[in-house]
Amino acid sequence: MSNTFPHSRRSKLGYNVEQVEDFLEEARAAYTADRGPQSVVSAANIRQTAFAMQKGGYSTSHVDAALERLEDAFASRERDRAFAETGDAAWYAQARGDAQAILDRLARDSGKRFARVGPFTNGYHPADVDAFATRLVNYFQHGKPMSVEQVRTIVFRSKKRGYNEQQVDLLLDSVINVMLAVR
């Protein structure tokens, strides 16, 4: 039995141990590889990685924390490589462009920032998303403090005819990308 992370109790669900170990091995190989063809492991796809659940699997909180650190490490390395290849001015110009696209979306009227789901479907509660959108605008335009962790862990209530969750999640991914790019 592998012990890279603590296990959940035998009766509780945790992440599939084999999948986590396989992913970590792939990430380790990608991170230590010399410069070469782009790896299949990147900061963005670390954020989107999901594992099956199994009773007695790895503790989800421990694995999630490790994935966040791994994402940060890959983002830093990707930034360093981009600086070497295109220069920091090009990198920051891209980050500014991405931030402007985020702000353009968030400039829409409250309640209309994202598409709504159907009348019998739950989506993110628009009031929650709009309140967080205001915080994001304050971060980008006024330098108000906000951490990557706050964006990663934000939770919105559910509501019928709420905002489309995929659209909101894509925007949050873009926010994280920009925040990691300018660290």
C-alpha atoms as a PDB file:
ATOM      1  CA  MET A   1       0.000   0.000   0.000  1.00  0.00           C
ATOM      2  CA  SER A   2       1.373   3.390  -0.985  1.00  0.00           C
ATOM      3  CA  ASN A   3       1.808   6.079   1.647  1.00  0.00           C
ATOM      4  CA  THR A   4       2.622   9.215  -0.324  1.00  0.00           C
ATOM      5  CA  PHE A   5      -0.393  10.859   1.357  1.00  0.00           C
ATOM      6  CA  PRO A   6      -2.521   9.969   4.358  1.00  0.00           C
ATOM      7  CA  HIS A   7      -5.406   7.654   3.548  1.00  0.00           C
ATOM      8  CA  SER A   8      -9.030   8.302   4.376  1.00  0.00           C
ATOM      9  CA  ARG A   9     -10.750   5.820   6.671  1.00  0.00           C
ATOM     10  CA  ARG A  10     -11.662   2.554   4.997  1.00  0.00           C
ATOM     11  CA  SER A  11     -15.342   3.512   5.080  1.00  0.00           C
ATOM     12  CA  LYS A  12     -14.779   7.015   3.625  1.00  0.00           C
ATOM     13  CA  LEU A  13     -14.068   8.032   0.067  1.00  0.00           C
ATOM     14  CA  GLY A  14     -10.698   9.375  -0.982  1.00  0.00           C
ATOM     15  CA  TYR A  15      -8.841   9.742  -4.260  1.00  0.00           C
ATOM     16  CA  ASN A  16      -7.902   6.603  -6.156  1.00  0.00           C
ATOM     17  CA  VAL A  17      -4.381   5.822  -4.984  1.00  0.00           C
ATOM     18  CA  GLU A  18      -3.162   4.341  -8.258  1.00  0.00           C
ATOM     19  CA  GLN A  19      -4.405   7.298 -10.318  1.00  0.00           C
ATOM     20  CA  VAL A  20      -2.785   9.811  -7.971  1.00  0.00           C
ATOM     21  CA  GLU A  21       0.522   7.934  -7.999  1.00  0.00           C
ATOM     22  CA  ASP A  22       0.472   7.629 -11.805  1.00  0.00           C
ATOM     23  CA  PHE A  23      -0.238  11.338 -12.202  1.00  0.00           C
ATOM     24  CA  LEU A  24       2.493  12.315  -9.761  1.00  0.00           C
ATOM     25  CA  GLU A  25       5.005  10.128 -11.585  1.00  0.00           C
ATOM     26  CA  GLU A  26       4.037  11.748 -14.894  1.00  0.00           C
ATOM     27  CA  ALA A  27       4.298  15.233 -13.350  1.00  0.00           C
ATOM     28  CA  ARG A  28       7.677  14.417 -11.786  1.00  0.00           C
ATOM     29  CA  ALA A  29       9.016  13.213 -15.136  1.00  0.00           C
ATOM     30  CA  ALA A  30       7.667  16.283 -16.927  1.00  0.00           C
ATOM     31  CA  TYR A  31       9.097  18.684 -14.379  1.00  0.00           C
ATOM     32  CA  THR A  32      12.564  17.161 -14.337  1.00  0.00           C
ATOM     33  CA  ALA A  33      12.780  16.724 -18.123  1.00  0.00           C
ATOM     34  CA  ASP A  34      15.153  18.932 -20.022  1.00  0.00           C
ATOM     35  CA  ARG A  35      13.727  21.562 -22.280  1.00  0.00           C
ATOM     36  CA  GLY A  36      12.162  19.824 -25.163  1.00  0.00           C
ATOM     37  CA  PRO A  37       8.760  19.273 -26.611  1.00  0.00           C
ATOM     38  CA  GLN A  38       5.926  20.658 -24.541  1.00  0.00           C
ATOM     39  CA  SER A  39       4.936  18.304 -21.786  1.00  0.00           C
ATOM     40  CA  VAL A  40       1.394  17.049 -21.420  1.00  0.00           C
ATOM     41  CA  VAL A  41       1.576  18.292 -17.836  1.00  0.00           C
ATOM     42  CA  SER A  42       1.111  22.031 -17.354  1.00  0.00           C
ATOM     43  CA  ALA A  43      -0.113  24.340 -14.624  1.00  0.00           C
ATOM     44  CA  ALA A  44      -3.481  24.607 -16.353  1.00  0.00           C
ATOM     45  CA  ASN A  45      -4.096  20.886 -16.668  1.00  0.00           C
ATOM     46  CA  ILE A  46      -2.903  20.234 -13.113  1.00  0.00           C
ATOM     47  CA  ARG A  47      -5.754  22.513 -12.007  1.00  0.00           C
ATOM     48  CA  GLN A  48      -8.202  20.472 -14.086  1.00  0.00           C
ATOM     49  CA  THR A  49      -6.967  17.058 -12.975  1.00  0.00           C
ATOM     50  CA  ALA A  50      -9.577  14.818 -11.407  1.00  0.00           C
ATOM     51  CA  PHE A  51      -9.296  11.408  -9.822  1.00  0.00           C
ATOM     52  CA  ALA A  52     -11.830   8.657  -9.257  1.00  0.00           C
ATOM     53  CA  MET A  53     -12.929   8.103  -5.689  1.00  0.00           C
ATOM     54  CA  GLN A  54     -12.395   4.922  -3.697  1.00  0.00           C
ATOM     55  CA  LYS A  55     -12.991   3.913  -0.105  1.00  0.00           C
ATOM     56  CA  GLY A  56      -9.805   4.234   1.890  1.00  0.00           C
ATOM     57  CA  GLY A  57      -8.159   6.280  -0.874  1.00  0.00           C
ATOM     58  CA  TYR A  58      -5.849   9.214  -0.419  1.00  0.00           C
ATOM     59  CA  SER A  59      -7.064  12.132   1.684  1.00  0.00           C
ATOM     60  CA  THR A  60      -8.594  14.619  -0.744  1.00  0.00           C
ATOM     61  CA  SER A  61      -7.458  17.663   1.227  1.00  0.00           C
ATOM     62  CA  HIS A  62      -3.832  16.488   1.293  1.00  0.00           C
ATOM     63  CA  VAL A  63      -3.771  15.648  -2.419  1.00  0.00           C
ATOM     64  CA  ASP A  64      -5.516  18.915  -3.347  1.00  0.00           C
ATOM     65  CA  ALA A  65      -2.969  20.915  -1.340  1.00  0.00           C
ATOM     66  CA  ALA A  66      -0.121  19.079  -3.073  1.00  0.00           C
ATOM     67  CA  LEU A  67      -1.690  19.720  -6.493  1.00  0.00           C
ATOM     68  CA  GLU A  68      -1.913  23.439  -5.717  1.00  0.00           C
ATOM     69  CA  ARG A  69       1.790  23.533  -4.837  1.00  0.00           C
ATOM     70  CA  LEU A  70       2.570  21.541  -7.975  1.00  0.00           C
ATOM     71  CA  GLU A  71       0.502  23.942 -10.095  1.00  0.00           C
ATOM     72  CA  ASP A  72       2.421  26.873  -8.608  1.00  0.00           C
ATOM     73  CA  ALA A  73       5.756  25.195  -9.393  1.00  0.00           C
ATOM     74  CA  PHE A  74       4.762  24.442 -12.989  1.00  0.00           C
ATOM     75  CA  ALA A  75       3.415  27.978 -13.465  1.00  0.00           C
ATOM     76  CA  SER A  76       6.686  29.433 -12.225  1.00  0.00           C
ATOM     77  CA  ARG A  77       8.673  27.208 -14.547  1.00  0.00           C
ATOM     78  CA  GLU A  78       6.417  28.015 -17.501  1.00  0.00           C
ATOM     79  CA  ARG A  79       6.860  31.732 -16.794  1.00  0.00           C
ATOM     80  CA  ASP A  80      10.655  31.346 -16.595  1.00  0.00           C
ATOM     81  CA  ARG A  81      10.716  29.480 -19.891  1.00  0.00           C
ATOM     82  CA  ALA A  82       8.536  32.094 -21.561  1.00  0.00           C
ATOM     83  CA  PHE A  83      10.810  34.863 -20.265  1.00  0.00           C
ATOM     84  CA  ALA A  84      13.771  33.066 -21.812  1.00  0.00           C
ATOM     85  CA  GLU A  85      12.016  32.476 -25.140  1.00  0.00           C
ATOM     86  CA  THR A  86      10.009  35.665 -25.706  1.00  0.00           C
ATOM     87  CA  GLY A  87      11.078  38.050 -22.966  1.00  0.00           C
ATOM     88  CA  ASP A  88       9.234  39.317 -19.969  1.00  0.00           C
ATOM     89  CA  ALA A  89       7.614  42.193 -21.856  1.00  0.00           C
ATOM     90  CA  ALA A  90       5.734  39.772 -24.132  1.00  0.00           C
ATOM     91  CA  TRP A  91       4.746  37.607 -21.166  1.00  0.00           C
ATOM     92  CA  TYR A  92       3.342  40.537 -19.204  1.00  0.00           C
ATOM     93  CA  ALA A  93       1.622  41.920 -22.303  1.00  0.00           C
ATOM     94  CA  GLN A  94      -0.193  38.600 -22.667  1.00  0.00           C
ATOM     95  CA  ALA A  95      -1.146  38.669 -18.969  1.00  0.00           C
ATOM     96  CA  ARG A  96      -2.441  42.252 -19.329  1.00  0.00           C
ATOM     97  CA  GLY A  97      -4.505  41.218 -22.347  1.00  0.00           C
ATOM     98  CA  ASP A  98      -5.960  38.281 -20.462  1.00  0.00           C
ATOM     99  CA  ALA A  99      -6.750  40.517 -17.476  1.00  0.00           C
ATOM    100  CA  GLN A 100      -8.510  42.986 -19.794  1.00  0.00           C
ATOM    101  CA  ALA A 101     -10.632  40.184 -21.275  1.00  0.00           C
ATOM    102  CA  ILE A 102     -11.637  39.199 -17.726  1.00  0.00           C
ATOM    103  CA  LEU A 103     -12.495  42.795 -16.860  1.00  0.00           C
ATOM    104  CA  ASP A 104     -14.533  43.143 -20.054  1.00  0.00           C
ATOM    105  CA  ARG A 105     -16.650  40.158 -19.009  1.00  0.00           C
ATOM    106  CA  LEU A 106     -17.028  41.465 -15.468  1.00  0.00           C
ATOM    107  CA  ALA A 107     -18.059  44.934 -16.725  1.00  0.00           C
ATOM    108  CA  ARG A 108     -21.399  43.498 -17.814  1.00  0.00           C
ATOM    109  CA  ASP A 109     -24.429  44.331 -15.683  1.00  0.00           C
ATOM    110  CA  SER A 110     -25.056  42.305 -12.535  1.00  0.00           C
ATOM    111  CA  GLY A 111     -27.240  39.328 -13.311  1.00  0.00           C
ATOM    112  CA  LYS A 112     -26.092  39.344 -16.943  1.00  0.00           C
ATOM    113  CA  ARG A 113     -22.397  38.522 -16.725  1.00  0.00           C
ATOM    114  CA  PHE A 114     -22.827  34.897 -17.794  1.00  0.00           C
ATOM    115  CA  ALA A 115     -25.373  32.792 -19.660  1.00  0.00           C
ATOM    116  CA  ARG A 116     -28.165  31.301 -17.563  1.00  0.00           C
ATOM    117  CA  VAL A 117     -29.013  27.607 -17.394  1.00  0.00           C
ATOM    118  CA  GLY A 118     -32.490  26.283 -18.172  1.00  0.00           C
ATOM    119  CA  PRO A 119     -35.492  26.699 -15.871  1.00  0.00           C
ATOM    120  CA  PHE A 120     -35.172  23.205 -14.401  1.00  0.00           C
ATOM    121  CA  THR A 121     -31.401  23.245 -14.023  1.00  0.00           C
ATOM    122  CA  ASN A 122     -29.256  24.518 -11.175  1.00  0.00           C
ATOM    123  CA  GLY A 123     -26.394  26.877 -11.832  1.00  0.00           C
ATOM    124  CA  TYR A 124     -24.271  29.167  -9.713  1.00  0.00           C
ATOM    125  CA  HIS A 125     -26.252  31.722  -7.744  1.00  0.00           C
ATOM    126  CA  PRO A 126     -25.896  34.984  -9.684  1.00  0.00           C
ATOM    127  CA  ALA A 127     -25.771  37.139  -6.540  1.00  0.00           C
ATOM    128  CA  ASP A 128     -22.821  35.114  -5.203  1.00  0.00           C
ATOM    129  CA  VAL A 129     -20.959  35.217  -8.511  1.00  0.00           C
ATOM    130  CA  ASP A 130     -21.636  38.924  -8.982  1.00  0.00           C
ATOM    131  CA  ALA A 131     -20.378  39.693  -5.447  1.00  0.00           C
ATOM    132  CA  PHE A 132     -17.170  37.777  -6.171  1.00  0.00           C
ATOM    133  CA  ALA A 133     -16.918  39.530  -9.544  1.00  0.00           C
ATOM    134  CA  THR A 134     -16.865  42.857  -7.700  1.00  0.00           C
ATOM    135  CA  ARG A 135     -13.965  41.597  -5.586  1.00  0.00           C
ATOM    136  CA  LEU A 136     -12.134  40.520  -8.758  1.00  0.00           C
ATOM    137  CA  VAL A 137     -12.630  43.951 -10.327  1.00  0.00           C
ATOM    138  CA  ASN A 138     -11.243  45.534  -7.163  1.00  0.00           C
ATOM    139  CA  TYR A 139      -8.234  43.212  -7.365  1.00  0.00           C
ATOM    140  CA  PHE A 140      -7.485  43.948 -11.022  1.00  0.00           C
ATOM    141  CA  GLN A 141      -8.330  47.648 -11.143  1.00  0.00           C
ATOM    142  CA  HIS A 142      -7.604  48.891  -7.631  1.00  0.00           C
ATOM    143  CA  GLY A 143      -4.969  46.495  -6.345  1.00  0.00           C
ATOM    144  CA  LYS A 144      -7.150  45.167  -3.525  1.00  0.00           C
ATOM    145  CA  PRO A 145      -5.577  42.077  -1.970  1.00  0.00           C
ATOM    146  CA  MET A 146      -6.722  38.671  -3.185  1.00  0.00           C
ATOM    147  CA  SER A 147      -4.884  35.387  -3.206  1.00  0.00           C
ATOM    148  CA  VAL A 148      -4.874  32.577  -5.723  1.00  0.00           C
ATOM    149  CA  GLU A 149      -6.149  30.395  -2.889  1.00  0.00           C
ATOM    150  CA  GLN A 150      -9.259  32.573  -2.525  1.00  0.00           C
ATOM    151  CA  VAL A 151     -10.043  32.108  -6.211  1.00  0.00           C
ATOM    152  CA  ARG A 152      -9.306  28.382  -6.140  1.00  0.00           C
ATOM    153  CA  THR A 153     -11.568  27.750  -3.161  1.00  0.00           C
ATOM    154  CA  ILE A 154     -14.518  30.045  -3.852  1.00  0.00           C
ATOM    155  CA  VAL A 155     -17.854  28.271  -3.497  1.00  0.00           C
ATOM    156  CA  PHE A 156     -21.131  29.568  -4.874  1.00  0.00           C
ATOM    157  CA  ARG A 157     -24.603  28.561  -3.808  1.00  0.00           C
ATOM    158  CA  SER A 158     -26.778  26.759  -6.296  1.00  0.00           C
ATOM    159  CA  LYS A 159     -29.913  28.258  -7.848  1.00  0.00           C
ATOM    160  CA  LYS A 160     -32.389  27.286 -10.545  1.00  0.00           C
ATOM    161  CA  ARG A 161     -31.763  29.393 -13.657  1.00  0.00           C
ATOM    162  CA  GLY A 162     -28.413  30.395 -12.216  1.00  0.00           C
ATOM    163  CA  TYR A 163     -25.271  31.208 -14.134  1.00  0.00           C
ATOM    164  CA  ASN A 164     -23.768  28.552 -16.360  1.00  0.00           C
ATOM    165  CA  GLU A 165     -21.157  26.869 -14.169  1.00  0.00           C
ATOM    166  CA  GLN A 166     -18.761  26.080 -17.025  1.00  0.00           C
ATOM    167  CA  GLN A 167     -18.572  29.722 -18.100  1.00  0.00           C
ATOM    168  CA  VAL A 168     -17.925  30.897 -14.552  1.00  0.00           C
ATOM    169  CA  ASP A 169     -15.320  28.180 -13.972  1.00  0.00           C
ATOM    170  CA  LEU A 170     -13.501  29.102 -17.203  1.00  0.00           C
ATOM    171  CA  LEU A 171     -13.337  32.715 -16.100  1.00  0.00           C
ATOM    172  CA  LEU A 172     -11.982  31.663 -12.693  1.00  0.00           C
ATOM    173  CA  ASP A 173      -9.342  29.540 -14.453  1.00  0.00           C
ATOM    174  CA  SER A 174      -8.346  32.602 -16.469  1.00  0.00           C
ATOM    175  CA  VAL A 175      -8.103  34.656 -13.291  1.00  0.00           C
ATOM    176  CA  ILE A 176      -5.808  32.040 -11.739  1.00  0.00           C
ATOM    177  CA  ASN A 177      -3.666  31.971 -14.880  1.00  0.00           C
ATOM    178  CA  VAL A 178      -3.216  35.742 -14.754  1.00  0.00           C
ATOM    179  CA  MET A 179      -2.483  35.737 -11.019  1.00  0.00           C
ATOM    180  CA  LEU A 180       0.143  33.014 -11.434  1.00  0.00           C
ATOM    181  CA  ALA A 181       1.632  34.790 -14.454  1.00  0.00           C
ATOM    182  CA  VAL A 182       2.367  37.982 -12.536  1.00  0.00           C
ATOM    183  CA  ARG A 183       3.509  36.532  -9.226  1.00  0.00           C
END
